[in-house]
């Protein structure tokens, strides 16, 4: 389910940092940094935003320190809005609605960040997660850990966001249970805000995705040209919700097209190992998803209901003549293909 994530007004408290680039210094909650900084002390607990990036080409080096929020009150741990060349690196962010937010701008990097226990306020927000790239292109999220965040995802790319790379991360145990209409609990989530505001050309590679409540890696409806490669995806989708089936290891939403899923190892999924959602009855665009050289094994591990029997591979595309999905060289035990004449 797409989430309309609307940023609040830029109201962070504090005085912009004026130290020279690369300077070391303490920061107060809500401080706007306009030049690079290396922390010498923890920041927080903060009741709102903690660190707000206020200029291009700023490096925020946490230097192994902790940036923390007041549980259920902190908003963003580190927030860059409409900036380019920002680097957020080397530390821990916890206790916020979202740990690190890259909103707008382009060509930013989040690396070596531990984002954990960032949990959105269920009654006040429609989001919650470890690291979020929102309507921003050409960013890299790498070598980071997103553990027990939610209720949306450990790592998320949303909105019109192009050519982002999510690589070598550990996004695991993001299994925060919220009210049913606000809880998604995905490991890595690539999703639009609407059918016209969707990411494209996202690369998700060499990640470890384990034990998330819903699908491990999710490519939302209408999302196109993603590359999901060389990930290890284990034990996701074991949380049951009445309105939905157990999550998959890797899931592609309806009317998503030209996505490549290659050389992933997916096992012990609560629902399907790999799932392409059933395409609705209206005419879709050309799909053309390619699923090549993966191992989908030991799926349908959610014990406690037979309402949603699952398989190692389930393809719900019934429009083969419109550019059906292609499966080649995959290892699997069980399969369900809605369009029986599609290329398998």
C-alpha atoms as a PDB file:
ATOM      1  CA  UNK A   1       0.000   0.000   0.000  1.00  0.00           C
ATOM      2  CA  UNK A   2       1.466   3.314  -1.062  1.00  0.00           C
ATOM      3  CA  UNK A   3       2.026   5.849   1.658  1.00  0.00           C
ATOM      4  CA  UNK A   4       1.594   9.600   1.165  1.00  0.00           C
ATOM      5  CA  UNK A   5       4.632  10.852   2.999  1.00  0.00           C
ATOM      6  CA  UNK A   6       4.512  14.615   3.318  1.00  0.00           C
ATOM      7  CA  UNK A   7       7.433  16.358   5.009  1.00  0.00           C
ATOM      8  CA  UNK A   8       6.669  18.951   7.672  1.00  0.00           C
ATOM      9  CA  UNK A   9       7.775  22.585   7.440  1.00  0.00           C
ATOM     10  CA  UNK A  10      11.449  23.298   7.886  1.00  0.00           C
ATOM     11  CA  UNK A  11      11.281  24.376  11.515  1.00  0.00           C
ATOM     12  CA  UNK A  12      14.290  22.778  13.117  1.00  0.00           C
ATOM     13  CA  UNK A  13      15.522  24.701  16.117  1.00  0.00           C
ATOM     14  CA  UNK A  14      19.106  25.795  16.668  1.00  0.00           C
ATOM     15  CA  UNK A  15      21.839  27.854  15.054  1.00  0.00           C
ATOM     16  CA  UNK A  16      23.590  26.696  11.845  1.00  0.00           C
ATOM     17  CA  UNK A  17      27.012  25.214  12.448  1.00  0.00           C
ATOM     18  CA  UNK A  18      29.730  27.604  11.344  1.00  0.00           C
ATOM     19  CA  UNK A  19      32.844  25.544  11.935  1.00  0.00           C
ATOM     20  CA  UNK A  20      35.222  24.903   9.077  1.00  0.00           C
ATOM     21  CA  UNK A  21      34.742  21.805   6.880  1.00  0.00           C
ATOM     22  CA  UNK A  22      35.744  18.660   8.696  1.00  0.00           C
ATOM     23  CA  UNK A  23      35.629  20.294  12.104  1.00  0.00           C
ATOM     24  CA  UNK A  24      34.876  18.268  15.225  1.00  0.00           C
ATOM     25  CA  UNK A  25      32.223  19.422  17.588  1.00  0.00           C
ATOM     26  CA  UNK A  26      29.121  18.650  19.628  1.00  0.00           C
ATOM     27  CA  UNK A  27      25.693  19.293  18.146  1.00  0.00           C
ATOM     28  CA  UNK A  28      22.435  20.123  19.864  1.00  0.00           C
ATOM     29  CA  UNK A  29      19.063  18.671  18.880  1.00  0.00           C
ATOM     30  CA  UNK A  30      17.636  20.324  15.775  1.00  0.00           C
ATOM     31  CA  UNK A  31      20.881  21.954  14.738  1.00  0.00           C
ATOM     32  CA  UNK A  32      21.215  22.883  11.062  1.00  0.00           C
ATOM     33  CA  UNK A  33      24.647  21.993   9.698  1.00  0.00           C
ATOM     34  CA  UNK A  34      25.895  23.935   6.682  1.00  0.00           C
ATOM     35  CA  UNK A  35      29.463  22.600   6.659  1.00  0.00           C
ATOM     36  CA  UNK A  36      30.914  19.158   7.272  1.00  0.00           C
ATOM     37  CA  UNK A  37      31.123  17.970  10.856  1.00  0.00           C
ATOM     38  CA  UNK A  38      32.518  15.038  12.835  1.00  0.00           C
ATOM     39  CA  UNK A  39      30.699  14.333  16.075  1.00  0.00           C
ATOM     40  CA  UNK A  40      32.617  14.234  19.334  1.00  0.00           C
ATOM     41  CA  UNK A  41      29.594  13.321  21.467  1.00  0.00           C
ATOM     42  CA  UNK A  42      26.199  11.667  21.176  1.00  0.00           C
ATOM     43  CA  UNK A  43      23.229  13.784  20.108  1.00  0.00           C
ATOM     44  CA  UNK A  44      19.925  13.463  21.949  1.00  0.00           C
ATOM     45  CA  UNK A  45      17.549  12.186  23.040  1.00  0.00           C
ATOM     46  CA  UNK A  46      15.755  14.646  20.758  1.00  0.00           C
ATOM     47  CA  UNK A  47      12.020  15.345  20.803  1.00  0.00           C
ATOM     48  CA  UNK A  48      11.942  16.364  17.122  1.00  0.00           C
ATOM     49  CA  UNK A  49      14.576  16.297  14.367  1.00  0.00           C
ATOM     50  CA  UNK A  50      18.132  15.742  15.532  1.00  0.00           C
ATOM     51  CA  UNK A  51      20.484  16.874  12.724  1.00  0.00           C
ATOM     52  CA  UNK A  52      19.246  18.856   9.706  1.00  0.00           C
ATOM     53  CA  UNK A  53      21.546  19.226   6.697  1.00  0.00           C
ATOM     54  CA  UNK A  54      21.325  22.761   5.359  1.00  0.00           C
ATOM     55  CA  UNK A  55      23.745  22.858   2.398  1.00  0.00           C
ATOM     56  CA  UNK A  56      25.184  20.826  -0.477  1.00  0.00           C
ATOM     57  CA  UNK A  57      28.347  18.720  -0.172  1.00  0.00           C
ATOM     58  CA  UNK A  58      28.136  18.334   3.595  1.00  0.00           C
ATOM     59  CA  UNK A  59      29.532  15.230   5.321  1.00  0.00           C
ATOM     60  CA  UNK A  60      27.928  14.278   8.621  1.00  0.00           C
ATOM     61  CA  UNK A  61      30.392  11.860  10.206  1.00  0.00           C
ATOM     62  CA  UNK A  62      28.807  10.398  13.309  1.00  0.00           C
ATOM     63  CA  UNK A  63      32.227   9.060  14.282  1.00  0.00           C
ATOM     64  CA  UNK A  64      30.703   6.022  15.986  1.00  0.00           C
ATOM     65  CA  UNK A  65      28.368   8.150  18.102  1.00  0.00           C
ATOM     66  CA  UNK A  66      24.637   7.685  18.720  1.00  0.00           C
ATOM     67  CA  UNK A  67      21.932  10.048  17.490  1.00  0.00           C
ATOM     68  CA  UNK A  68      18.788   9.259  19.494  1.00  0.00           C
ATOM     69  CA  UNK A  69      15.200  10.402  19.677  1.00  0.00           C
ATOM     70  CA  UNK A  70      12.617  10.369  22.407  1.00  0.00           C
ATOM     71  CA  UNK A  71      10.589   7.232  21.730  1.00  0.00           C
ATOM     72  CA  UNK A  72       7.337   8.033  19.913  1.00  0.00           C
ATOM     73  CA  UNK A  73       8.252  11.744  19.808  1.00  0.00           C
ATOM     74  CA  UNK A  74      11.432  12.099  17.722  1.00  0.00           C
ATOM     75  CA  UNK A  75      10.787  12.748  14.016  1.00  0.00           C
ATOM     76  CA  UNK A  76      13.865  12.434  11.762  1.00  0.00           C
ATOM     77  CA  UNK A  77      17.286  11.488  13.062  1.00  0.00           C
ATOM     78  CA  UNK A  78      19.224  12.991  10.152  1.00  0.00           C
ATOM     79  CA  UNK A  79      17.335  14.902   7.451  1.00  0.00           C
ATOM     80  CA  UNK A  80      18.681  16.237   4.172  1.00  0.00           C
ATOM     81  CA  UNK A  81      16.115  18.087   2.055  1.00  0.00           C
ATOM     82  CA  UNK A  82      16.837  19.221  -1.519  1.00  0.00           C
ATOM     83  CA  UNK A  83      20.627  18.922  -1.263  1.00  0.00           C
ATOM     84  CA  UNK A  84      23.301  17.281  -3.401  1.00  0.00           C
ATOM     85  CA  UNK A  85      26.522  15.540  -2.452  1.00  0.00           C
ATOM     86  CA  UNK A  86      25.611  14.905   1.180  1.00  0.00           C
ATOM     87  CA  UNK A  87      27.313  11.995   2.994  1.00  0.00           C
ATOM     88  CA  UNK A  88      25.926  10.516   6.222  1.00  0.00           C
ATOM     89  CA  UNK A  89      28.310   7.975   7.686  1.00  0.00           C
ATOM     90  CA  UNK A  90      29.629   5.858  10.548  1.00  0.00           C
ATOM     91  CA  UNK A  91      27.281   5.811  13.496  1.00  0.00           C
ATOM     92  CA  UNK A  92      23.963   4.805  15.042  1.00  0.00           C
ATOM     93  CA  UNK A  93      20.536   6.398  14.718  1.00  0.00           C
ATOM     94  CA  UNK A  94      17.651   5.256  16.912  1.00  0.00           C
ATOM     95  CA  UNK A  95      14.334   6.343  18.406  1.00  0.00           C
ATOM     96  CA  UNK A  96      12.866   8.389  15.542  1.00  0.00           C
ATOM     97  CA  UNK A  97       9.972   8.041  13.122  1.00  0.00           C
ATOM     98  CA  UNK A  98      12.665   7.573  10.456  1.00  0.00           C
ATOM     99  CA  UNK A  99      16.372   7.284  11.216  1.00  0.00           C
ATOM    100  CA  UNK A 100      17.879   8.889   8.093  1.00  0.00           C
ATOM    101  CA  UNK A 101      15.837  10.759   5.453  1.00  0.00           C
ATOM    102  CA  UNK A 102      17.186  11.829   2.058  1.00  0.00           C
ATOM    103  CA  UNK A 103      14.387  13.943   0.589  1.00  0.00           C
ATOM    104  CA  UNK A 104      14.773  15.630  -2.770  1.00  0.00           C
ATOM    105  CA  UNK A 105      18.153  16.596  -4.134  1.00  0.00           C
ATOM    106  CA  UNK A 106      20.446  13.987  -5.698  1.00  0.00           C
ATOM    107  CA  UNK A 107      23.755  12.123  -5.530  1.00  0.00           C
ATOM    108  CA  UNK A 108      23.851  11.642  -1.767  1.00  0.00           C
ATOM    109  CA  UNK A 109      25.341   8.718   0.180  1.00  0.00           C
ATOM    110  CA  UNK A 110      24.270   6.940   3.364  1.00  0.00           C
ATOM    111  CA  UNK A 111      26.878   4.428   4.505  1.00  0.00           C
ATOM    112  CA  UNK A 112      27.951   2.504   7.591  1.00  0.00           C
ATOM    113  CA  UNK A 113      24.856   3.588   9.501  1.00  0.00           C
ATOM    114  CA  UNK A 114      23.134   1.422  12.113  1.00  0.00           C
ATOM    115  CA  UNK A 115      19.473   2.458  12.041  1.00  0.00           C
ATOM    116  CA  UNK A 116      17.526   0.538  14.675  1.00  0.00           C
ATOM    117  CA  UNK A 117      14.297   0.884  16.671  1.00  0.00           C
ATOM    118  CA  UNK A 118      13.034   3.772  14.558  1.00  0.00           C
ATOM    119  CA  UNK A 119       9.294   3.302  14.912  1.00  0.00           C
ATOM    120  CA  UNK A 120       6.682   5.636  13.440  1.00  0.00           C
ATOM    121  CA  UNK A 121       4.010   6.994  15.717  1.00  0.00           C
ATOM    122  CA  UNK A 122       1.028   4.927  14.683  1.00  0.00           C
ATOM    123  CA  UNK A 123      -1.560   7.520  15.664  1.00  0.00           C
ATOM    124  CA  UNK A 124       0.239  10.466  14.040  1.00  0.00           C
ATOM    125  CA  UNK A 125       2.248   9.286  11.028  1.00  0.00           C
ATOM    126  CA  UNK A 126       1.852   7.018   8.041  1.00  0.00           C
ATOM    127  CA  UNK A 127       5.477   5.981   7.954  1.00  0.00           C
ATOM    128  CA  UNK A 128       8.282   4.599  10.041  1.00  0.00           C
ATOM    129  CA  UNK A 129      11.597   3.060   9.108  1.00  0.00           C
ATOM    130  CA  UNK A 130      15.348   2.999   9.243  1.00  0.00           C
ATOM    131  CA  UNK A 131      16.526   4.764   6.064  1.00  0.00           C
ATOM    132  CA  UNK A 132      14.256   6.552   3.567  1.00  0.00           C
ATOM    133  CA  UNK A 133      15.070   7.945   0.111  1.00  0.00           C
ATOM    134  CA  UNK A 134      12.093  10.115  -0.873  1.00  0.00           C
ATOM    135  CA  UNK A 135      11.716  11.717  -4.315  1.00  0.00           C
ATOM    136  CA  UNK A 136      15.473  11.810  -4.834  1.00  0.00           C
ATOM    137  CA  UNK A 137      17.720  10.333  -7.528  1.00  0.00           C
ATOM    138  CA  UNK A 138      21.209   8.875  -7.950  1.00  0.00           C
ATOM    139  CA  UNK A 139      21.725   8.151  -4.265  1.00  0.00           C
ATOM    140  CA  UNK A 140      23.586   5.228  -2.674  1.00  0.00           C
ATOM    141  CA  UNK A 141      22.637   3.460   0.561  1.00  0.00           C
ATOM    142  CA  UNK A 142      25.361   0.970   1.385  1.00  0.00           C
ATOM    143  CA  UNK A 143      27.144  -1.032   4.084  1.00  0.00           C
ATOM    144  CA  UNK A 144      24.461  -0.142   6.645  1.00  0.00           C
ATOM    145  CA  UNK A 145      22.194  -2.031   9.049  1.00  0.00           C
ATOM    146  CA  UNK A 146      18.461  -1.413   9.401  1.00  0.00           C
ATOM    147  CA  UNK A 147      17.205  -3.535  12.305  1.00  0.00           C
ATOM    148  CA  UNK A 148      13.752  -3.536  13.946  1.00  0.00           C
ATOM    149  CA  UNK A 149      12.299  -0.423  12.346  1.00  0.00           C
ATOM    150  CA  UNK A 150       8.777   0.144  11.132  1.00  0.00           C
ATOM    151  CA  UNK A 151       5.923  -0.137  10.584  1.00  0.00           C
ATOM    152  CA  UNK A 152       6.867   0.449   6.924  1.00  0.00           C
ATOM    153  CA  UNK A 153      10.350  -0.865   6.167  1.00  0.00           C
ATOM    154  CA  UNK A 154      13.975  -1.114   7.119  1.00  0.00           C
ATOM    155  CA  UNK A 155      15.125   0.658   3.944  1.00  0.00           C
ATOM    156  CA  UNK A 156      12.700   2.396   1.582  1.00  0.00           C
ATOM    157  CA  UNK A 157      12.826   4.200  -1.778  1.00  0.00           C
ATOM    158  CA  UNK A 158       9.614   6.115  -2.535  1.00  0.00           C
ATOM    159  CA  UNK A 159       8.205   8.660  -4.954  1.00  0.00           C
ATOM    160  CA  UNK A 160       9.791   9.763  -8.222  1.00  0.00           C
ATOM    161  CA  UNK A 161      13.266   8.482  -7.370  1.00  0.00           C
ATOM    162  CA  UNK A 162      15.564   7.383 -10.195  1.00  0.00           C
ATOM    163  CA  UNK A 163      18.724   5.263 -10.362  1.00  0.00           C
ATOM    164  CA  UNK A 164      19.167   4.721  -6.634  1.00  0.00           C
ATOM    165  CA  UNK A 165      21.455   1.931  -5.425  1.00  0.00           C
ATOM    166  CA  UNK A 166      20.772  -0.099  -2.267  1.00  0.00           C
ATOM    167  CA  UNK A 167      23.738  -2.406  -1.734  1.00  0.00           C
ATOM    168  CA  UNK A 168      25.582  -4.497   0.873  1.00  0.00           C
ATOM    169  CA  UNK A 169      23.127  -3.665   3.646  1.00  0.00           C
ATOM    170  CA  UNK A 170      21.556  -5.805   6.351  1.00  0.00           C
ATOM    171  CA  UNK A 171      17.835  -5.019   6.581  1.00  0.00           C
ATOM    172  CA  UNK A 172      16.427  -7.521   9.048  1.00  0.00           C
ATOM    173  CA  UNK A 173      13.798  -8.081  11.757  1.00  0.00           C
ATOM    174  CA  UNK A 174      11.774  -5.060  10.738  1.00  0.00           C
ATOM    175  CA  UNK A 175       8.609  -6.554  12.173  1.00  0.00           C
ATOM    176  CA  UNK A 176       6.872  -3.809  14.119  1.00  0.00           C
ATOM    177  CA  UNK A 177       3.181  -4.614  14.383  1.00  0.00           C
ATOM    178  CA  UNK A 178       0.909  -1.600  13.940  1.00  0.00           C
ATOM    179  CA  UNK A 179      -2.813  -1.285  13.204  1.00  0.00           C
ATOM    180  CA  UNK A 180      -3.501  -3.292  10.068  1.00  0.00           C
ATOM    181  CA  UNK A 181      -3.933  -0.347   7.710  1.00  0.00           C
ATOM    182  CA  UNK A 182      -0.562   1.131   8.651  1.00  0.00           C
ATOM    183  CA  UNK A 183       1.737  -1.850   9.030  1.00  0.00           C
ATOM    184  CA  UNK A 184       3.878  -3.191   6.190  1.00  0.00           C
ATOM    185  CA  UNK A 185       7.035  -4.490   7.860  1.00  0.00           C
ATOM    186  CA  UNK A 186       9.106  -4.969   4.702  1.00  0.00           C
ATOM    187  CA  UNK A 187      12.863  -5.379   4.617  1.00  0.00           C
ATOM    188  CA  UNK A 188      13.587  -3.297   1.501  1.00  0.00           C
ATOM    189  CA  UNK A 189      10.628  -1.439   0.002  1.00  0.00           C
ATOM    190  CA  UNK A 190      10.661   0.254  -3.442  1.00  0.00           C
ATOM    191  CA  UNK A 191       7.266   1.857  -3.801  1.00  0.00           C
ATOM    192  CA  UNK A 192       5.359   4.726  -5.354  1.00  0.00           C
ATOM    193  CA  UNK A 193       3.302   7.348  -3.585  1.00  0.00           C
ATOM    194  CA  UNK A 194       0.722   6.861  -6.366  1.00  0.00           C
ATOM    195  CA  UNK A 195       0.691   5.149  -9.764  1.00  0.00           C
ATOM    196  CA  UNK A 196       2.193   8.308 -11.281  1.00  0.00           C
ATOM    197  CA  UNK A 197       4.820   8.912  -8.579  1.00  0.00           C
ATOM    198  CA  UNK A 198       6.980   5.812  -8.634  1.00  0.00           C
ATOM    199  CA  UNK A 199      10.682   4.931  -8.458  1.00  0.00           C
ATOM    200  CA  UNK A 200      12.477   3.580 -11.520  1.00  0.00           C
ATOM    201  CA  UNK A 201      15.866   2.013 -12.303  1.00  0.00           C
ATOM    202  CA  UNK A 202      16.503   1.072  -8.671  1.00  0.00           C
ATOM    203  CA  UNK A 203      19.312  -1.424  -7.998  1.00  0.00           C
ATOM    204  CA  UNK A 204      19.013  -3.660  -4.924  1.00  0.00           C
ATOM    205  CA  UNK A 205      22.070  -5.898  -4.694  1.00  0.00           C
ATOM    206  CA  UNK A 206      24.224  -7.897  -2.278  1.00  0.00           C
ATOM    207  CA  UNK A 207      21.934  -7.247   0.681  1.00  0.00           C
ATOM    208  CA  UNK A 208      21.072  -9.551   3.585  1.00  0.00           C
ATOM    209  CA  UNK A 209      17.314  -9.483   4.272  1.00  0.00           C
ATOM    210  CA  UNK A 210      16.202 -11.717   7.161  1.00  0.00           C
ATOM    211  CA  UNK A 211      13.174 -12.128   9.409  1.00  0.00           C
ATOM    212  CA  UNK A 212      11.052  -9.174   8.310  1.00  0.00           C
ATOM    213  CA  UNK A 213       7.354  -9.420   9.149  1.00  0.00           C
ATOM    214  CA  UNK A 214       6.124  -8.995   5.582  1.00  0.00           C
ATOM    215  CA  UNK A 215       7.936  -9.410   2.258  1.00  0.00           C
ATOM    216  CA  UNK A 216      11.726  -9.280   2.330  1.00  0.00           C
ATOM    217  CA  UNK A 217      12.196  -7.233  -0.867  1.00  0.00           C
ATOM    218  CA  UNK A 218       9.121  -5.516  -2.296  1.00  0.00           C
ATOM    219  CA  UNK A 219       8.837  -3.834  -5.718  1.00  0.00           C
ATOM    220  CA  UNK A 220       5.529  -1.956  -5.725  1.00  0.00           C
ATOM    221  CA  UNK A 221       2.863  -1.662  -8.385  1.00  0.00           C
ATOM    222  CA  UNK A 222       3.803   0.364 -11.492  1.00  0.00           C
ATOM    223  CA  UNK A 223       7.499   0.367 -10.490  1.00  0.00           C
ATOM    224  CA  UNK A 224       9.712  -0.336 -13.484  1.00  0.00           C
ATOM    225  CA  UNK A 225      13.243  -1.330 -14.507  1.00  0.00           C
ATOM    226  CA  UNK A 226      14.468  -2.409 -11.066  1.00  0.00           C
ATOM    227  CA  UNK A 227      17.432  -4.759 -10.726  1.00  0.00           C
ATOM    228  CA  UNK A 228      17.215  -7.151  -7.760  1.00  0.00           C
ATOM    229  CA  UNK A 229      20.430  -9.151  -7.771  1.00  0.00           C
ATOM    230  CA  UNK A 230      22.627 -11.314  -5.539  1.00  0.00           C
ATOM    231  CA  UNK A 231      20.654 -10.823  -2.335  1.00  0.00           C
ATOM    232  CA  UNK A 232      20.251 -13.390   0.470  1.00  0.00           C
ATOM    233  CA  UNK A 233      16.627 -13.359   1.623  1.00  0.00           C
ATOM    234  CA  UNK A 234      15.666 -15.668   4.500  1.00  0.00           C
ATOM    235  CA  UNK A 235      12.664 -16.219   6.749  1.00  0.00           C
ATOM    236  CA  UNK A 236      10.548 -13.226   5.747  1.00  0.00           C
ATOM    237  CA  UNK A 237       6.769 -12.969   5.678  1.00  0.00           C
ATOM    238  CA  UNK A 238       5.859 -14.899   8.798  1.00  0.00           C
ATOM    239  CA  UNK A 239       3.455 -12.277  10.167  1.00  0.00           C
ATOM    240  CA  UNK A 240      -0.198 -12.948   9.421  1.00  0.00           C
ATOM    241  CA  UNK A 241      -2.699 -10.130   8.805  1.00  0.00           C
ATOM    242  CA  UNK A 242      -6.344 -10.772   8.103  1.00  0.00           C
ATOM    243  CA  UNK A 243      -6.481  -8.628   4.981  1.00  0.00           C
ATOM    244  CA  UNK A 244      -3.442 -10.077   3.272  1.00  0.00           C
ATOM    245  CA  UNK A 245      -1.554 -13.266   2.700  1.00  0.00           C
ATOM    246  CA  UNK A 246       1.760 -13.978   4.407  1.00  0.00           C
ATOM    247  CA  UNK A 247       4.641 -12.035   2.871  1.00  0.00           C
ATOM    248  CA  UNK A 248       6.946 -13.319   0.154  1.00  0.00           C
ATOM    249  CA  UNK A 249      10.697 -13.497  -0.025  1.00  0.00           C
ATOM    250  CA  UNK A 250      10.716 -11.218  -3.086  1.00  0.00           C
ATOM    251  CA  UNK A 251       7.462  -9.649  -4.294  1.00  0.00           C
ATOM    252  CA  UNK A 252       6.596  -7.603  -7.402  1.00  0.00           C
ATOM    253  CA  UNK A 253       3.342  -5.654  -7.446  1.00  0.00           C
ATOM    254  CA  UNK A 254       0.767  -5.686 -10.261  1.00  0.00           C
ATOM    255  CA  UNK A 255       1.502  -3.769 -13.464  1.00  0.00           C
ATOM    256  CA  UNK A 256       5.205  -3.437 -12.691  1.00  0.00           C
ATOM    257  CA  UNK A 257       7.360  -4.000 -15.715  1.00  0.00           C
ATOM    258  CA  UNK A 258      10.850  -4.769 -17.008  1.00  0.00           C
ATOM    259  CA  UNK A 259      12.184  -5.673 -13.563  1.00  0.00           C
ATOM    260  CA  UNK A 260      15.133  -8.083 -13.382  1.00  0.00           C
ATOM    261  CA  UNK A 261      15.366 -10.574 -10.501  1.00  0.00           C
ATOM    262  CA  UNK A 262      18.639 -12.456 -10.824  1.00  0.00           C
ATOM    263  CA  UNK A 263      20.977 -14.666  -8.769  1.00  0.00           C
ATOM    264  CA  UNK A 264      19.168 -14.273  -5.448  1.00  0.00           C
ATOM    265  CA  UNK A 265      18.958 -16.968  -2.776  1.00  0.00           C
ATOM    266  CA  UNK A 266      15.511 -16.956  -1.131  1.00  0.00           C
ATOM    267  CA  UNK A 267      14.387 -19.531   1.412  1.00  0.00           C
ATOM    268  CA  UNK A 268      12.118 -20.205   4.379  1.00  0.00           C
ATOM    269  CA  UNK A 269       9.596 -17.547   3.334  1.00  0.00           C
ATOM    270  CA  UNK A 270       6.312 -17.423   5.207  1.00  0.00           C
ATOM    271  CA  UNK A 271       4.381 -17.183   1.937  1.00  0.00           C
ATOM    272  CA  UNK A 272       5.712 -17.460  -1.613  1.00  0.00           C
ATOM    273  CA  UNK A 273       9.423 -17.479  -2.218  1.00  0.00           C
ATOM    274  CA  UNK A 274       8.852 -15.246  -5.236  1.00  0.00           C
ATOM    275  CA  UNK A 275       5.520 -13.590  -6.053  1.00  0.00           C
ATOM    276  CA  UNK A 276       4.215 -11.456  -8.889  1.00  0.00           C
ATOM    277  CA  UNK A 277       0.855 -10.175  -7.694  1.00  0.00           C
ATOM    278  CA  UNK A 278      -2.207 -11.046  -9.721  1.00  0.00           C
ATOM    279  CA  UNK A 279      -2.652  -8.467 -12.463  1.00  0.00           C
ATOM    280  CA  UNK A 280      -6.045  -6.793 -12.236  1.00  0.00           C
ATOM    281  CA  UNK A 281      -8.599  -7.204 -15.008  1.00  0.00           C
ATOM    282  CA  UNK A 282      -7.930  -3.934 -16.845  1.00  0.00           C
ATOM    283  CA  UNK A 283      -5.374  -3.973 -19.635  1.00  0.00           C
ATOM    284  CA  UNK A 284      -1.861  -3.546 -18.150  1.00  0.00           C
ATOM    285  CA  UNK A 285       1.245  -2.100 -19.761  1.00  0.00           C
ATOM    286  CA  UNK A 286       3.810  -4.532 -21.101  1.00  0.00           C
ATOM    287  CA  UNK A 287       5.214  -6.413 -18.135  1.00  0.00           C
ATOM    288  CA  UNK A 288       8.362  -8.169 -19.296  1.00  0.00           C
ATOM    289  CA  UNK A 289       9.797  -9.062 -15.890  1.00  0.00           C
ATOM    290  CA  UNK A 290      12.766 -11.456 -16.027  1.00  0.00           C
ATOM    291  CA  UNK A 291      13.437 -13.928 -13.240  1.00  0.00           C
ATOM    292  CA  UNK A 292      16.765 -15.595 -13.939  1.00  0.00           C
ATOM    293  CA  UNK A 293      19.120 -17.914 -12.063  1.00  0.00           C
ATOM    294  CA  UNK A 294      17.595 -17.646  -8.585  1.00  0.00           C
ATOM    295  CA  UNK A 295      17.085 -20.245  -5.859  1.00  0.00           C
ATOM    296  CA  UNK A 296      13.599 -20.159  -4.312  1.00  0.00           C
ATOM    297  CA  UNK A 297      13.403 -22.922  -1.707  1.00  0.00           C
ATOM    298  CA  UNK A 298      11.479 -24.097   1.362  1.00  0.00           C
ATOM    299  CA  UNK A 299       8.655 -21.581   0.966  1.00  0.00           C
ATOM    300  CA  UNK A 300       5.189 -21.579   2.583  1.00  0.00           C
ATOM    301  CA  UNK A 301       6.603 -21.744   6.081  1.00  0.00           C
ATOM    302  CA  UNK A 302       3.801 -19.820   7.763  1.00  0.00           C
ATOM    303  CA  UNK A 303       2.226 -22.404  10.012  1.00  0.00           C
ATOM    304  CA  UNK A 304      -1.252 -21.693  11.300  1.00  0.00           C
ATOM    305  CA  UNK A 305      -3.443 -21.091   8.250  1.00  0.00           C
ATOM    306  CA  UNK A 306      -4.260 -22.858   5.019  1.00  0.00           C
ATOM    307  CA  UNK A 307      -6.177 -19.874   3.635  1.00  0.00           C
ATOM    308  CA  UNK A 308      -3.259 -18.773   1.472  1.00  0.00           C
ATOM    309  CA  UNK A 309      -1.315 -21.790   0.213  1.00  0.00           C
ATOM    310  CA  UNK A 310       1.960 -20.603  -1.265  1.00  0.00           C
ATOM    311  CA  UNK A 311       4.663 -21.860  -3.612  1.00  0.00           C
ATOM    312  CA  UNK A 312       8.328 -21.284  -4.245  1.00  0.00           C
ATOM    313  CA  UNK A 313       7.297 -19.315  -7.354  1.00  0.00           C
ATOM    314  CA  UNK A 314       3.907 -17.706  -7.997  1.00  0.00           C
ATOM    315  CA  UNK A 315       3.318 -15.619 -11.140  1.00  0.00           C
ATOM    316  CA  UNK A 316      -0.061 -13.914 -11.238  1.00  0.00           C
ATOM    317  CA  UNK A 317       0.422 -12.342 -14.688  1.00  0.00           C
ATOM    318  CA  UNK A 318      -2.416 -13.536 -16.907  1.00  0.00           C
ATOM    319  CA  UNK A 319      -1.532 -11.285 -19.840  1.00  0.00           C
ATOM    320  CA  UNK A 320       1.091 -13.305 -21.650  1.00  0.00           C
ATOM    321  CA  UNK A 321       0.360 -11.733 -25.036  1.00  0.00           C
ATOM    322  CA  UNK A 322       1.037  -8.302 -23.538  1.00  0.00           C
ATOM    323  CA  UNK A 323       4.619  -9.163 -22.708  1.00  0.00           C
ATOM    324  CA  UNK A 324       4.581 -11.918 -20.135  1.00  0.00           C
ATOM    325  CA  UNK A 325       7.202 -12.660 -17.542  1.00  0.00           C
ATOM    326  CA  UNK A 326      10.175 -14.846 -18.370  1.00  0.00           C
ATOM    327  CA  UNK A 327      11.581 -17.437 -15.938  1.00  0.00           C
ATOM    328  CA  UNK A 328      14.940 -19.034 -16.770  1.00  0.00           C
ATOM    329  CA  UNK A 329      17.354 -21.238 -14.843  1.00  0.00           C
ATOM    330  CA  UNK A 330      15.733 -20.960 -11.405  1.00  0.00           C
ATOM    331  CA  UNK A 331      15.869 -23.611  -8.682  1.00  0.00           C
ATOM    332  CA  UNK A 332      12.508 -24.252  -7.005  1.00  0.00           C
ATOM    333  CA  UNK A 333      10.292 -27.054  -5.801  1.00  0.00           C
ATOM    334  CA  UNK A 334       6.727 -25.796  -6.295  1.00  0.00           C
ATOM    335  CA  UNK A 335       5.179 -23.211  -8.623  1.00  0.00           C
ATOM    336  CA  UNK A 336       1.894 -21.585  -9.586  1.00  0.00           C
ATOM    337  CA  UNK A 337       1.545 -19.752 -12.898  1.00  0.00           C
ATOM    338  CA  UNK A 338      -1.801 -18.067 -13.550  1.00  0.00           C
ATOM    339  CA  UNK A 339      -1.051 -17.579 -17.262  1.00  0.00           C
ATOM    340  CA  UNK A 340      -0.294 -21.162 -18.225  1.00  0.00           C
ATOM    341  CA  UNK A 341       0.928 -20.195 -21.710  1.00  0.00           C
ATOM    342  CA  UNK A 342       3.502 -17.716 -20.402  1.00  0.00           C
ATOM    343  CA  UNK A 343       7.191 -18.477 -20.834  1.00  0.00           C
ATOM    344  CA  UNK A 344       8.426 -20.346 -17.765  1.00  0.00           C
END
